[in-house]
Amino acid sequence: MLLHNVFLSFGALCNAASLTKFSRNTPEGLTPRQTGPNYPANTIDQLIDHFPESPRYAPHTNATFKQQYFFDSTYYQPGGPVYLYIGGETSGQSRFSNLQTGIIQVLMKATNGLGVILENRYYGASYPFNTSTTDQLAYLSTEQTIADNEYFAKNVQFPGIDADLSAPGTPWILYGGSLAGAQTAFSLHTYGNETLYGGIGASATTFGNLSYAAWYNPIQKLGPQDCVSRINAIVDKMDSLIAANNTVAVQQLKDIFGLGELEDIRDFAMTIAFPLGGPMNYPTNTWQELNWYPPYGSDDFFYFCSNVTDIDMPANLTAVDNQLANYTNGDSWTGLGGWSNYVQQYLIPICDGAPINSVYCFGTQNQTFYADTTNGGARSYLYTTCTESGLYQVAQPTGPSLISRVLQVDYTQQWCTWAFPAGTYNAIPPTPNTTLWNLYGGYSVEADRLAHVDGSSDVWNDICYHSTLAPMRYSTDLRPELLINGGGHHWDSTSLGYDNLTAEPDFIREAHYFEIRIVKRWLADFMDWVPGMKARQGR
């Protein structure tokens, strides 16, 4: 099955003559991003089990594993802080840009700090075991992961640095985006009064829930409305055929997309939704991947919409809009030709000749495939989804929908059931136990010196601090918050570098200035922080 980290390149998208073309240029005034150093990998002996008294992790282990980290001391001066970038659901190497010109570089240079990327357990090269069986994944939990952060801050010794930079004697300030943002917030909530001095949770997904239909809300509200309305109408027509059990018409629809071999209607519904964001899987870039800095973003979503709405569509594609009109009282399926052609031209080739209904293309109905215990980030992320966070992407229960209403909780839950059969000591719950995620505060997770920075157009914003379902709160220097107008998913993590901040778009530039100011205010008060005072006295 195609994973959400496999993307079409924009260059490939611009090569087919039959589809609308446009270029994506670097905005005037933005300088090229620096290449930066290739940081050597370091490891710390990390505890597999931080909670030897908890029955949740019985039988317990005293073993350790090698947890990988990377650091940059270019700007460090004695007395400076340590900035811990939480690696999240990927390898540490993929986060290097944050040390080079991203948010960590900005804060390091502004405050003479050292920056370090810590790889999450069960990602990158930081696996406790050689495989990831259900029993071996028992130690992949939120509380174990955030305990890693505290243990690392208290025990790491940076090679080549002749100083004790451990917490709490040195101010440690965490930063993370998305899942890592939630872990940043949870870490400060749990350890902020004793070890970790501060943190910035960017688009921190702190609220867990079984389903998450609101993922599509920003697209529905803010996307090109001629594109959105065409998709809504086609989805409505498709769902009416499914509800009527019109198998002949549904098969014709699948054939029009070149997906006639897909046997499960949900696999078909997910596949045609990929340009928008299929549940759990994004083989092409979506609204989520939009970014203010072109080299780090993609306009694939807008490219898709330009084909659905093309007023100069070739006649053979325009004719497709009427091929199913006899099933909908003569009503045209406006945009179907462009949408189906896009799928045939740019989605199907990803399969590289594999059968359409196989897990190596767009089929998902293969239990054996999911039960593969090979270590991998996708498996680890799925486990956390299935056990704690949930947030299964589903269709809206009422009103217009961008994805078919056949995409419901049961579709994602079956992957959990197949992937993680009960072990000897560990079994996943029937549905995610979101209580374990929300016990830190959900929308309202707070701690002193914890900042929440979100984006108003982020697909994940409704499970973040600035959710439309959360109350309005006062922002203070001790507990600051910022909603970036028009911002997407942790857009503040990307920067042109400290020396180029003035060249950034205004809302991004001001977000970075805001983060510099709040961190400097925190650091000005560090000498009066009691845990730090006690630690320094003991050195």
Protein backbone atom coordinates (compact mmCIF):
# COMPACT_ATOMS: atom_id res chain seq x y z
CA MET A 1 0.00 0.00 0.00
CA LEU A 2 1.26 3.49 -0.79
CA LEU A 3 2.44 5.42 2.24
CA HIS A 4 1.85 9.08 3.08
CA ASN A 5 5.54 9.97 2.70
CA VAL A 6 5.68 9.01 -1.01
CA PHE A 7 5.14 12.13 -3.08
CA LEU A 8 4.99 13.01 -6.74
CA SER A 9 7.56 15.59 -7.71
CA PHE A 10 6.20 18.87 -8.98
CA GLY A 11 8.45 18.57 -12.00
CA ALA A 12 6.76 15.32 -12.99
CA LEU A 13 3.38 16.97 -12.69
CA CYS A 14 4.25 19.61 -15.25
CA ASN A 15 5.20 17.31 -18.10
CA ALA A 16 1.90 15.98 -19.46
CA ALA A 17 0.59 17.91 -22.42
CA SER A 18 -3.06 17.14 -21.75
CA LEU A 19 -3.20 18.85 -18.38
CA THR A 20 -3.17 22.47 -17.30
CA LYS A 21 0.30 23.80 -16.53
CA PHE A 22 1.60 26.57 -14.34
CA SER A 23 4.94 27.30 -12.75
CA ARG A 24 5.90 27.72 -9.11
CA ASN A 25 8.59 30.35 -8.74
CA THR A 26 10.56 31.53 -5.71
CA PRO A 27 8.98 34.81 -4.55
CA GLU A 28 11.04 37.87 -5.25
CA GLY A 29 13.33 38.87 -2.38
CA LEU A 30 13.84 35.40 -0.90
CA THR A 31 17.45 34.24 -0.92
CA PRO A 32 18.42 30.59 -1.54
CA ARG A 33 18.48 28.33 1.51
CA GLN A 34 21.91 27.39 2.81
CA THR A 35 23.05 23.81 2.38
CA GLY A 36 24.42 23.55 5.91
CA PRO A 37 26.69 20.93 7.48
CA ASN A 38 26.19 17.20 7.55
CA TYR A 39 25.88 16.56 11.28
CA PRO A 40 27.44 13.39 12.70
CA ALA A 41 25.17 10.99 14.53
CA ASN A 42 25.53 10.52 18.27
CA THR A 43 23.69 8.17 20.60
CA ILE A 44 22.70 8.00 24.23
CA ASP A 45 21.85 4.84 26.14
CA GLN A 46 18.14 5.43 26.70
CA LEU A 47 15.91 3.43 29.04
CA ILE A 48 13.37 1.28 27.24
CA ASP A 49 11.05 1.39 30.25
CA HIS A 50 10.88 4.53 32.40
CA PHE A 51 8.01 3.18 34.49
CA PRO A 52 9.07 -0.07 36.19
CA GLU A 53 6.14 0.11 38.61
CA SER A 54 3.41 0.56 36.00
CA PRO A 55 1.39 -2.58 35.19
CA ARG A 56 0.91 -1.20 31.68
CA TYR A 57 4.47 -2.28 30.77
CA ALA A 58 4.65 -5.63 32.55
CA PRO A 59 6.77 -7.66 32.27
CA HIS A 60 9.33 -4.91 32.63
CA THR A 61 12.85 -4.59 31.29
CA ASN A 62 15.97 -2.89 32.58
CA ALA A 63 17.49 -2.81 29.11
CA THR A 64 18.45 0.30 27.17
CA PHE A 65 18.56 1.19 23.49
CA LYS A 66 20.68 3.54 21.41
CA GLN A 67 18.73 6.74 20.85
CA GLN A 68 20.17 8.87 18.09
CA TYR A 69 20.72 12.63 18.24
CA PHE A 70 22.45 15.37 16.26
CA PHE A 71 23.61 18.76 17.50
CA ASP A 72 24.98 22.09 16.32
CA SER A 73 27.16 24.20 18.62
CA THR A 74 28.05 26.85 16.02
CA TYR A 75 26.49 29.69 18.01
CA TYR A 76 26.94 28.35 21.52
CA GLN A 77 28.57 30.52 24.15
CA PRO A 78 28.95 29.61 27.85
CA GLY A 79 25.73 30.23 29.69
CA GLY A 80 23.60 29.84 26.57
CA PRO A 81 20.49 27.64 26.43
CA VAL A 82 19.96 24.26 24.78
CA TYR A 83 17.20 24.01 22.16
CA LEU A 84 15.82 20.50 21.86
CA TYR A 85 14.05 19.82 18.57
CA ILE A 86 11.73 16.84 19.02
CA GLY A 87 12.16 14.58 15.98
CA GLY A 88 8.59 13.34 15.75
CA GLU A 89 7.53 10.72 13.23
CA THR A 90 10.64 10.68 11.05
CA SER A 91 14.42 10.34 11.14
CA GLY A 92 16.66 12.91 12.75
CA GLN A 93 18.44 13.54 9.45
CA SER A 94 15.24 14.74 7.83
CA ARG A 95 15.10 17.55 10.42
CA PHE A 96 18.55 19.01 9.69
CA SER A 97 17.13 22.13 8.05
CA ASN A 98 15.89 23.26 11.46
CA LEU A 99 19.48 23.48 12.66
CA GLN A 100 20.70 25.07 9.44
CA THR A 101 18.26 27.90 8.74
CA GLY A 102 15.00 26.88 10.45
CA ILE A 103 13.53 27.89 13.77
CA ILE A 104 16.29 26.31 15.88
CA GLN A 105 18.99 28.20 13.95
CA VAL A 106 17.03 31.42 14.49
CA LEU A 107 16.80 30.88 18.24
CA MET A 108 20.38 29.59 18.58
CA LYS A 109 21.86 32.67 16.94
CA ALA A 110 19.53 35.05 18.77
CA THR A 111 20.52 33.71 22.20
CA ASN A 112 23.95 32.03 21.82
CA GLY A 113 22.40 28.59 22.21
CA LEU A 114 23.13 25.03 21.20
CA GLY A 115 20.62 23.12 19.08
CA VAL A 116 20.00 19.39 19.20
CA ILE A 117 17.63 17.05 17.33
CA LEU A 118 16.51 14.01 19.30
CA GLU A 119 15.09 11.15 17.31
CA ASN A 120 11.89 9.70 18.74
CA ARG A 121 11.93 6.13 19.97
CA TYR A 122 10.79 3.71 17.25
CA TYR A 123 11.82 6.08 14.42
CA GLY A 124 14.93 6.61 12.32
CA ALA A 125 17.72 4.52 13.85
CA SER A 126 16.28 4.63 17.39
CA TYR A 127 14.50 1.29 17.72
CA PRO A 128 14.61 -0.62 21.00
CA PHE A 129 14.22 -3.94 19.17
CA ASN A 130 15.11 -5.46 15.81
CA THR A 131 11.43 -5.83 14.90
CA SER A 132 8.14 -4.19 15.89
CA THR A 133 5.76 -6.89 17.07
CA THR A 134 2.75 -5.91 19.14
CA ASP A 135 4.62 -6.93 22.31
CA GLN A 136 7.73 -4.99 21.29
CA LEU A 137 5.65 -1.90 20.55
CA ALA A 138 4.27 -1.85 24.11
CA TYR A 139 6.92 0.75 25.03
CA LEU A 140 5.82 3.09 22.23
CA SER A 141 3.57 5.34 24.27
CA THR A 142 3.27 9.05 24.88
CA GLU A 143 4.43 8.83 28.49
CA GLN A 144 7.52 6.78 27.55
CA THR A 145 8.36 9.15 24.68
CA ILE A 146 8.17 12.33 26.74
CA ALA A 147 10.11 10.62 29.54
CA ASP A 148 12.88 10.14 26.95
CA ASN A 149 13.00 13.90 26.52
CA GLU A 150 13.48 14.52 30.23
CA TYR A 151 16.03 11.72 30.64
CA PHE A 152 18.00 12.98 27.66
CA ALA A 153 18.05 16.56 28.97
CA LYS A 154 19.29 15.38 32.38
CA ASN A 155 21.95 12.95 31.15
CA VAL A 156 23.37 13.89 27.75
CA GLN A 157 26.99 14.94 27.46
CA PHE A 158 27.69 16.63 24.15
CA PRO A 159 30.94 15.42 22.54
CA GLY A 160 33.48 18.23 22.27
CA ILE A 161 31.61 20.54 24.65
CA ASP A 162 33.64 21.08 27.82
CA ALA A 163 30.70 22.07 29.97
CA ASP A 164 27.79 20.55 31.85
CA LEU A 165 24.75 21.51 29.81
CA SER A 166 22.33 19.14 31.50
CA ALA A 167 18.93 20.20 32.75
CA PRO A 168 17.79 21.79 34.95
CA GLY A 169 21.05 23.67 35.58
CA THR A 170 21.02 24.83 31.96
CA PRO A 171 17.81 26.18 30.39
CA TRP A 172 16.40 23.58 28.00
CA ILE A 173 13.76 24.85 25.59
CA LEU A 174 11.91 22.34 23.43
CA TYR A 175 10.43 22.82 20.01
CA GLY A 176 8.23 20.45 18.04
CA GLY A 177 5.65 20.59 15.28
CA SER A 178 2.52 18.45 14.81
CA LEU A 179 2.95 15.14 16.69
CA ALA A 180 6.27 16.44 18.03
CA GLY A 181 4.48 19.66 18.97
CA ALA A 182 2.04 17.67 21.08
CA GLN A 183 4.94 15.83 22.68
CA THR A 184 6.60 19.17 23.40
CA ALA A 185 3.46 20.43 25.13
CA PHE A 186 3.03 17.16 27.04
CA SER A 187 6.69 17.24 28.10
CA LEU A 188 6.38 20.76 29.52
CA HIS A 189 3.08 19.91 31.19
CA THR A 190 4.71 16.90 32.89
CA TYR A 191 8.30 17.97 33.52
CA GLY A 192 8.19 21.76 33.29
CA ASN A 193 8.28 22.32 37.03
CA GLU A 194 11.38 20.24 37.62
CA THR A 195 13.58 19.73 34.56
CA LEU A 196 12.50 21.35 31.28
CA TYR A 197 12.49 25.14 31.29
CA GLY A 198 10.37 26.03 28.24
CA GLY A 199 8.93 24.94 24.94
CA ILE A 200 7.14 25.95 21.76
CA GLY A 201 4.45 23.62 20.47
CA ALA A 202 3.81 24.42 16.81
CA SER A 203 0.54 23.06 15.40
CA ALA A 204 0.64 20.77 18.41
CA THR A 205 -2.01 18.10 17.91
CA THR A 206 -2.89 17.85 21.59
CA PHE A 207 -6.50 16.67 21.36
CA GLY A 208 -7.24 13.05 20.59
CA ASN A 209 -10.53 11.74 19.21
CA LEU A 210 -11.67 8.62 17.42
CA SER A 211 -12.54 10.43 14.18
CA TYR A 212 -11.55 13.74 12.63
CA ALA A 213 -13.80 14.96 9.84
CA ALA A 214 -12.66 18.55 10.44
CA TRP A 215 -9.37 17.78 8.64
CA TYR A 216 -11.14 18.80 5.43
CA ASN A 217 -12.72 21.99 6.79
CA PRO A 218 -9.97 24.44 5.75
CA ILE A 219 -10.06 23.04 2.21
CA GLN A 220 -13.85 23.27 2.11
CA LYS A 221 -13.79 26.89 3.32
CA LEU A 222 -10.61 28.28 1.80
CA GLY A 223 -9.95 26.23 -1.35
CA PRO A 224 -10.89 27.52 -4.82
CA GLN A 225 -14.64 27.37 -4.59
CA ASP A 226 -15.30 26.30 -8.18
CA CYS A 227 -13.02 23.33 -7.51
CA VAL A 228 -14.56 22.62 -4.10
CA SER A 229 -18.12 22.79 -5.41
CA ARG A 230 -17.37 20.42 -8.29
CA ILE A 231 -15.82 17.88 -5.92
CA ASN A 232 -18.75 18.19 -3.50
CA ALA A 233 -21.23 17.59 -6.31
CA ILE A 234 -19.37 14.60 -7.75
CA VAL A 235 -19.05 13.05 -4.29
CA ASP A 236 -22.78 13.52 -3.70
CA LYS A 237 -23.60 11.82 -7.00
CA MET A 238 -21.17 9.00 -6.33
CA ASP A 239 -22.61 8.40 -2.86
CA SER A 240 -26.16 8.35 -4.23
CA LEU A 241 -25.17 5.55 -6.62
CA ILE A 242 -23.53 3.62 -3.78
CA ALA A 243 -26.55 4.10 -1.51
CA ALA A 244 -28.82 2.83 -4.29
CA ASN A 245 -26.55 -0.20 -4.73
CA ASN A 246 -26.23 0.64 -8.42
CA THR A 247 -23.25 -1.60 -8.97
CA VAL A 248 -23.28 -1.12 -12.74
CA ALA A 249 -23.00 2.66 -12.47
CA VAL A 250 -20.38 2.44 -9.72
CA GLN A 251 -18.28 0.13 -11.88
CA GLN A 252 -18.54 2.60 -14.76
CA LEU A 253 -17.36 5.36 -12.45
CA LYS A 254 -14.37 3.30 -11.33
CA ASP A 255 -13.54 2.52 -14.96
CA ILE A 256 -13.65 6.22 -15.87
CA PHE A 257 -10.90 6.83 -13.29
CA GLY A 258 -8.91 3.85 -14.56
CA LEU A 259 -9.51 2.12 -11.22
CA GLY A 260 -11.98 -0.53 -12.27
CA GLU A 261 -9.93 -3.30 -10.68
CA LEU A 262 -10.34 -1.94 -7.15
CA GLU A 263 -12.71 -4.30 -5.39
CA ASP A 264 -13.41 -2.45 -2.13
CA ILE A 265 -15.41 0.72 -2.77
CA ARG A 266 -13.56 2.38 0.12
CA ASP A 267 -10.22 1.80 -1.59
CA PHE A 268 -11.63 3.52 -4.65
CA ALA A 269 -13.00 6.41 -2.59
CA MET A 270 -9.68 6.90 -0.83
CA THR A 271 -7.66 6.74 -4.04
CA ILE A 272 -9.58 9.46 -5.84
CA ALA A 273 -9.32 11.57 -2.65
CA PHE A 274 -5.52 11.40 -2.60
CA PRO A 275 -5.04 14.87 -4.14
CA LEU A 276 -7.06 16.22 -1.20
CA GLY A 277 -5.70 13.88 1.46
CA GLY A 278 -6.87 10.29 1.66
CA PRO A 279 -7.34 8.83 5.14
CA MET A 280 -3.82 8.22 6.54
CA ASN A 281 -2.25 8.20 3.07
CA TYR A 282 -0.97 11.04 0.91
CA PRO A 283 0.99 9.76 -2.11
CA THR A 284 0.71 13.23 -3.64
CA ASN A 285 1.14 16.55 -1.89
CA THR A 286 -2.07 17.94 -0.42
CA TRP A 287 -3.33 21.12 1.22
CA GLN A 288 -1.26 20.08 4.25
CA GLU A 289 1.93 20.35 2.23
CA LEU A 290 1.37 23.96 1.18
CA ASN A 291 4.14 26.15 2.58
CA TRP A 292 5.05 29.80 2.46
CA TYR A 293 8.57 28.87 1.30
CA PRO A 294 8.30 27.21 -2.15
CA PRO A 295 11.28 24.81 -1.90
CA TYR A 296 9.72 23.30 1.21
CA GLY A 297 6.15 23.22 -0.05
CA SER A 298 4.18 22.10 -3.05
CA ASP A 299 1.38 23.53 -5.17
CA ASP A 300 0.15 20.06 -6.17
CA PHE A 301 -3.22 20.76 -4.57
CA PHE A 302 -3.76 23.84 -6.71
CA TYR A 303 -2.50 21.99 -9.76
CA PHE A 304 -5.13 19.33 -9.14
CA CYS A 305 -7.85 21.96 -8.79
CA SER A 306 -6.73 23.74 -11.95
CA ASN A 307 -7.46 20.53 -13.85
CA VAL A 308 -10.85 19.96 -12.23
CA THR A 309 -11.87 23.51 -13.16
CA ASP A 310 -10.09 23.98 -16.51
CA ILE A 311 -12.38 25.98 -18.81
CA ASP A 312 -10.21 25.03 -21.80
CA MET A 313 -10.46 21.29 -21.19
CA PRO A 314 -10.13 19.21 -24.39
CA ALA A 315 -13.46 18.06 -25.80
CA ASN A 316 -12.75 14.39 -25.14
CA LEU A 317 -12.35 15.13 -21.41
CA THR A 318 -15.31 17.48 -21.24
CA ALA A 319 -17.43 14.68 -22.71
CA VAL A 320 -16.58 12.51 -19.69
CA ASP A 321 -18.65 14.87 -17.52
CA ASN A 322 -21.81 13.49 -19.16
CA GLN A 323 -21.02 9.80 -19.29
CA LEU A 324 -22.96 9.09 -16.09
CA ALA A 325 -25.65 11.75 -16.49
CA ASN A 326 -28.26 9.10 -17.30
CA TYR A 327 -27.93 7.87 -13.70
CA THR A 328 -28.48 11.35 -12.22
CA ASN A 329 -31.57 12.59 -14.05
CA GLY A 330 -29.51 14.10 -16.84
CA ASP A 331 -27.41 16.18 -14.43
CA SER A 332 -23.83 16.55 -15.64
CA TRP A 333 -20.91 15.49 -13.44
CA THR A 334 -19.03 18.74 -14.05
CA GLY A 335 -15.30 18.34 -13.47
CA LEU A 336 -15.26 14.54 -13.67
CA GLY A 337 -13.20 14.54 -16.85
CA GLY A 338 -10.45 16.67 -15.36
CA TRP A 339 -10.44 14.79 -12.05
CA SER A 340 -10.35 11.34 -13.64
CA ASN A 341 -7.66 12.36 -16.10
CA TYR A 342 -5.53 13.68 -13.27
CA VAL A 343 -5.81 10.33 -11.49
CA GLN A 344 -4.88 8.43 -14.64
CA GLN A 345 -1.96 10.69 -15.51
CA TYR A 346 -0.37 11.22 -12.09
CA LEU A 347 -1.66 8.76 -9.55
CA ILE A 348 -1.75 5.46 -11.40
CA PRO A 349 1.84 5.78 -12.70
CA ILE A 350 3.05 5.78 -9.08
CA CYS A 351 2.21 2.08 -8.99
CA ASP A 352 4.87 1.41 -11.62
CA GLY A 353 2.88 -1.38 -13.23
CA ALA A 354 1.74 -3.13 -10.03
CA PRO A 355 -1.83 -4.46 -10.12
CA ILE A 356 -4.29 -1.72 -9.20
CA ASN A 357 -5.96 -3.81 -6.50
CA SER A 358 -2.71 -4.89 -4.84
CA VAL A 359 -1.19 -3.35 -1.72
CA TYR A 360 1.66 -2.20 -3.97
CA CYS A 361 -0.80 0.08 -5.70
CA PHE A 362 -4.15 1.24 -4.26
CA GLY A 363 -5.63 -1.89 -2.70
CA THR A 364 -5.61 -2.19 1.09
CA GLN A 365 -7.44 -5.43 1.74
CA ASN A 366 -4.46 -7.61 2.63
CA GLN A 367 -4.11 -8.55 6.29
CA THR A 368 -0.72 -10.18 5.84
CA PHE A 369 0.78 -6.98 4.47
CA TYR A 370 -0.25 -4.98 7.51
CA ALA A 371 1.01 -7.61 9.94
CA ASP A 372 4.61 -7.26 8.69
CA THR A 373 6.66 -6.55 11.83
CA THR A 374 9.60 -4.91 10.08
CA ASN A 375 10.69 -1.72 11.83
CA GLY A 376 9.47 1.40 10.04
CA GLY A 377 8.13 4.85 10.72
CA ALA A 378 4.77 4.16 9.08
CA ARG A 379 4.18 1.17 11.35
CA SER A 380 5.18 3.14 14.45
CA TYR A 381 2.93 6.06 13.52
CA LEU A 382 0.01 3.73 12.85
CA TYR A 383 0.50 2.12 16.27
CA THR A 384 0.24 5.47 18.06
CA THR A 385 -2.83 6.31 15.98
CA CYS A 386 -4.46 2.99 16.84
CA THR A 387 -3.66 3.04 20.55
CA GLU A 388 -3.80 6.66 21.73
CA SER A 389 -4.39 9.57 19.36
CA GLY A 390 -7.02 8.24 16.94
CA LEU A 391 -8.04 11.05 14.57
CA TYR A 392 -9.19 8.76 11.78
CA GLN A 393 -9.97 10.99 8.78
CA VAL A 394 -13.61 10.50 7.83
CA ALA A 395 -16.28 12.22 5.76
CA GLN A 396 -18.42 14.94 7.28
CA PRO A 397 -21.57 13.45 8.85
CA THR A 398 -23.79 16.18 7.36
CA GLY A 399 -23.50 18.85 4.70
CA PRO A 400 -21.03 18.98 1.82
CA SER A 401 -18.14 16.56 1.81
CA LEU A 402 -14.89 16.41 -0.15
CA ILE A 403 -14.57 12.65 0.32
CA SER A 404 -17.09 9.86 -0.05
CA ARG A 405 -19.19 9.04 2.99
CA VAL A 406 -18.14 5.40 2.74
CA LEU A 407 -14.89 6.51 4.37
CA GLN A 408 -15.68 6.03 8.04
CA VAL A 409 -13.96 4.81 11.22
CA ASP A 410 -14.22 1.12 10.30
CA TYR A 411 -11.98 1.62 7.27
CA THR A 412 -8.97 2.81 9.30
CA GLN A 413 -9.74 0.57 12.26
CA GLN A 414 -9.41 -2.55 10.12
CA TRP A 415 -5.77 -1.62 9.41
CA CYS A 416 -5.14 -1.38 13.15
CA THR A 417 -6.70 -4.78 13.77
CA TRP A 418 -4.69 -6.39 10.99
CA ALA A 419 -1.40 -4.70 11.82
CA PHE A 420 -1.32 -5.41 15.54
CA PRO A 421 -2.70 -8.81 16.52
CA ALA A 422 -2.65 -9.46 20.25
CA GLY A 423 0.69 -10.51 21.62
CA THR A 424 1.59 -12.40 24.78
CA TYR A 425 1.75 -9.28 26.93
CA ASN A 426 0.29 -6.47 24.86
CA ALA A 427 -2.85 -5.90 22.84
CA ILE A 428 -4.24 -2.78 21.22
CA PRO A 429 -7.66 -1.53 22.35
CA PRO A 430 -10.73 -2.09 20.13
CA THR A 431 -10.53 1.63 19.29
CA PRO A 432 -7.89 4.18 20.33
CA ASN A 433 -7.81 4.94 24.05
CA THR A 434 -7.77 8.71 23.57
CA THR A 435 -7.93 9.23 27.33
CA LEU A 436 -4.20 8.51 27.34
CA TRP A 437 -3.70 11.37 24.86
CA ASN A 438 -6.08 13.85 26.43
CA LEU A 439 -5.03 13.44 30.06
CA TYR A 440 -2.44 16.21 29.53
CA GLY A 441 -5.16 18.75 28.85
CA GLY A 442 -6.37 18.32 25.28
CA TYR A 443 -7.14 21.70 23.71
CA SER A 444 -6.13 23.39 26.96
CA VAL A 445 -2.77 21.78 27.76
CA GLU A 446 -0.78 24.50 29.48
CA ALA A 447 2.41 25.02 31.45
CA ASP A 448 4.59 27.94 32.41
CA ARG A 449 6.86 28.90 29.51
CA LEU A 450 4.91 26.78 27.04
CA ALA A 451 4.01 28.69 23.87
CA HIS A 452 1.39 27.52 21.38
CA VAL A 453 1.89 28.65 17.78
CA ASP A 454 -0.71 27.50 15.23
CA GLY A 455 -1.86 28.29 11.68
CA SER A 456 -5.38 29.44 10.86
CA SER A 457 -5.57 27.42 7.62
CA ASP A 458 -3.99 24.24 8.97
CA VAL A 459 -5.99 21.05 8.41
CA TRP A 460 -5.01 19.93 11.93
CA ASN A 461 -5.89 23.20 13.67
CA ASP A 462 -9.15 21.92 15.16
CA ILE A 463 -7.21 19.54 17.42
CA CYS A 464 -4.71 22.21 18.42
CA TYR A 465 -4.75 24.96 21.07
CA HIS A 466 -6.48 27.38 18.68
CA SER A 467 -9.22 24.96 17.70
CA THR A 468 -12.54 26.53 16.80
CA LEU A 469 -13.94 24.28 19.53
CA ALA A 470 -11.61 25.66 22.21
CA PRO A 471 -12.36 28.74 24.33
CA MET A 472 -10.61 32.06 23.84
CA ARG A 473 -7.70 32.48 26.24
CA TYR A 474 -5.51 35.36 27.38
CA SER A 475 -1.94 35.28 26.10
CA THR A 476 0.75 36.17 28.64
CA ASP A 477 4.53 36.24 28.58
CA LEU A 478 4.55 33.15 30.79
CA ARG A 479 1.95 31.29 28.73
CA PRO A 480 2.00 32.87 25.25
CA GLU A 481 0.06 31.88 22.18
CA LEU A 482 -0.06 32.96 18.55
CA LEU A 483 -2.32 32.05 15.64
CA ILE A 484 -0.56 32.81 12.34
CA ASN A 485 -3.05 34.41 9.96
CA GLY A 486 -3.29 32.20 6.87
CA GLY A 487 -0.64 29.89 8.27
CA GLY A 488 -0.49 26.20 7.55
CA HIS A 489 0.96 23.23 9.41
CA HIS A 490 3.78 24.47 11.71
CA TRP A 491 4.85 27.04 9.14
CA ASP A 492 6.99 28.78 11.74
CA SER A 493 9.45 25.87 11.76
CA THR A 494 10.68 27.01 8.34
CA SER A 495 12.78 30.15 8.13
CA LEU A 496 15.24 31.85 5.82
CA GLY A 497 17.66 31.99 8.75
CA TYR A 498 18.29 34.57 11.44
CA ASP A 499 20.14 36.94 9.10
CA ASN A 500 17.34 36.87 6.51
CA LEU A 501 14.26 37.28 8.67
CA THR A 502 13.39 40.63 7.10
CA ALA A 503 12.95 38.90 3.73
CA GLU A 504 10.21 36.59 5.02
CA PRO A 505 6.48 37.20 4.44
CA ASP A 506 5.10 39.51 7.11
CA PHE A 507 3.08 37.04 9.21
CA ILE A 508 5.94 34.51 9.18
CA ARG A 509 8.57 37.14 9.96
CA GLU A 510 6.52 38.46 12.85
CA ALA A 511 5.93 34.95 14.19
CA HIS A 512 9.68 34.45 14.34
CA TYR A 513 10.22 37.81 16.02
CA PHE A 514 7.50 36.84 18.49
CA GLU A 515 9.27 33.56 19.30
CA ILE A 516 12.60 35.32 19.76
CA ARG A 517 11.04 37.83 22.15
CA ILE A 518 9.24 35.29 24.32
CA VAL A 519 12.33 33.07 24.59
CA LYS A 520 14.52 36.02 25.55
CA ARG A 521 12.02 37.00 28.24
CA TRP A 522 12.06 33.47 29.60
CA LEU A 523 15.85 33.34 29.61
CA ALA A 524 16.04 36.67 31.48
CA ASP A 525 14.22 34.98 34.37
CA PHE A 526 16.13 31.70 34.35
CA MET A 527 18.50 32.53 37.19
CA ASP A 528 15.49 32.85 39.50
CA TRP A 529 13.97 29.47 38.52
CA VAL A 530 14.21 27.31 41.61
CA PRO A 531 15.00 23.93 39.96
CA GLY A 532 17.83 25.57 38.04
CA MET A 533 19.18 27.27 41.16
CA LYS A 534 19.28 23.99 43.07
CA ALA A 535 20.97 22.15 40.19
CA ARG A 536 23.69 24.77 39.82
CA GLN A 537 24.39 24.71 43.55
CA GLY A 538 24.98 20.96 43.31
CA ARG A 539 27.50 21.17 40.47
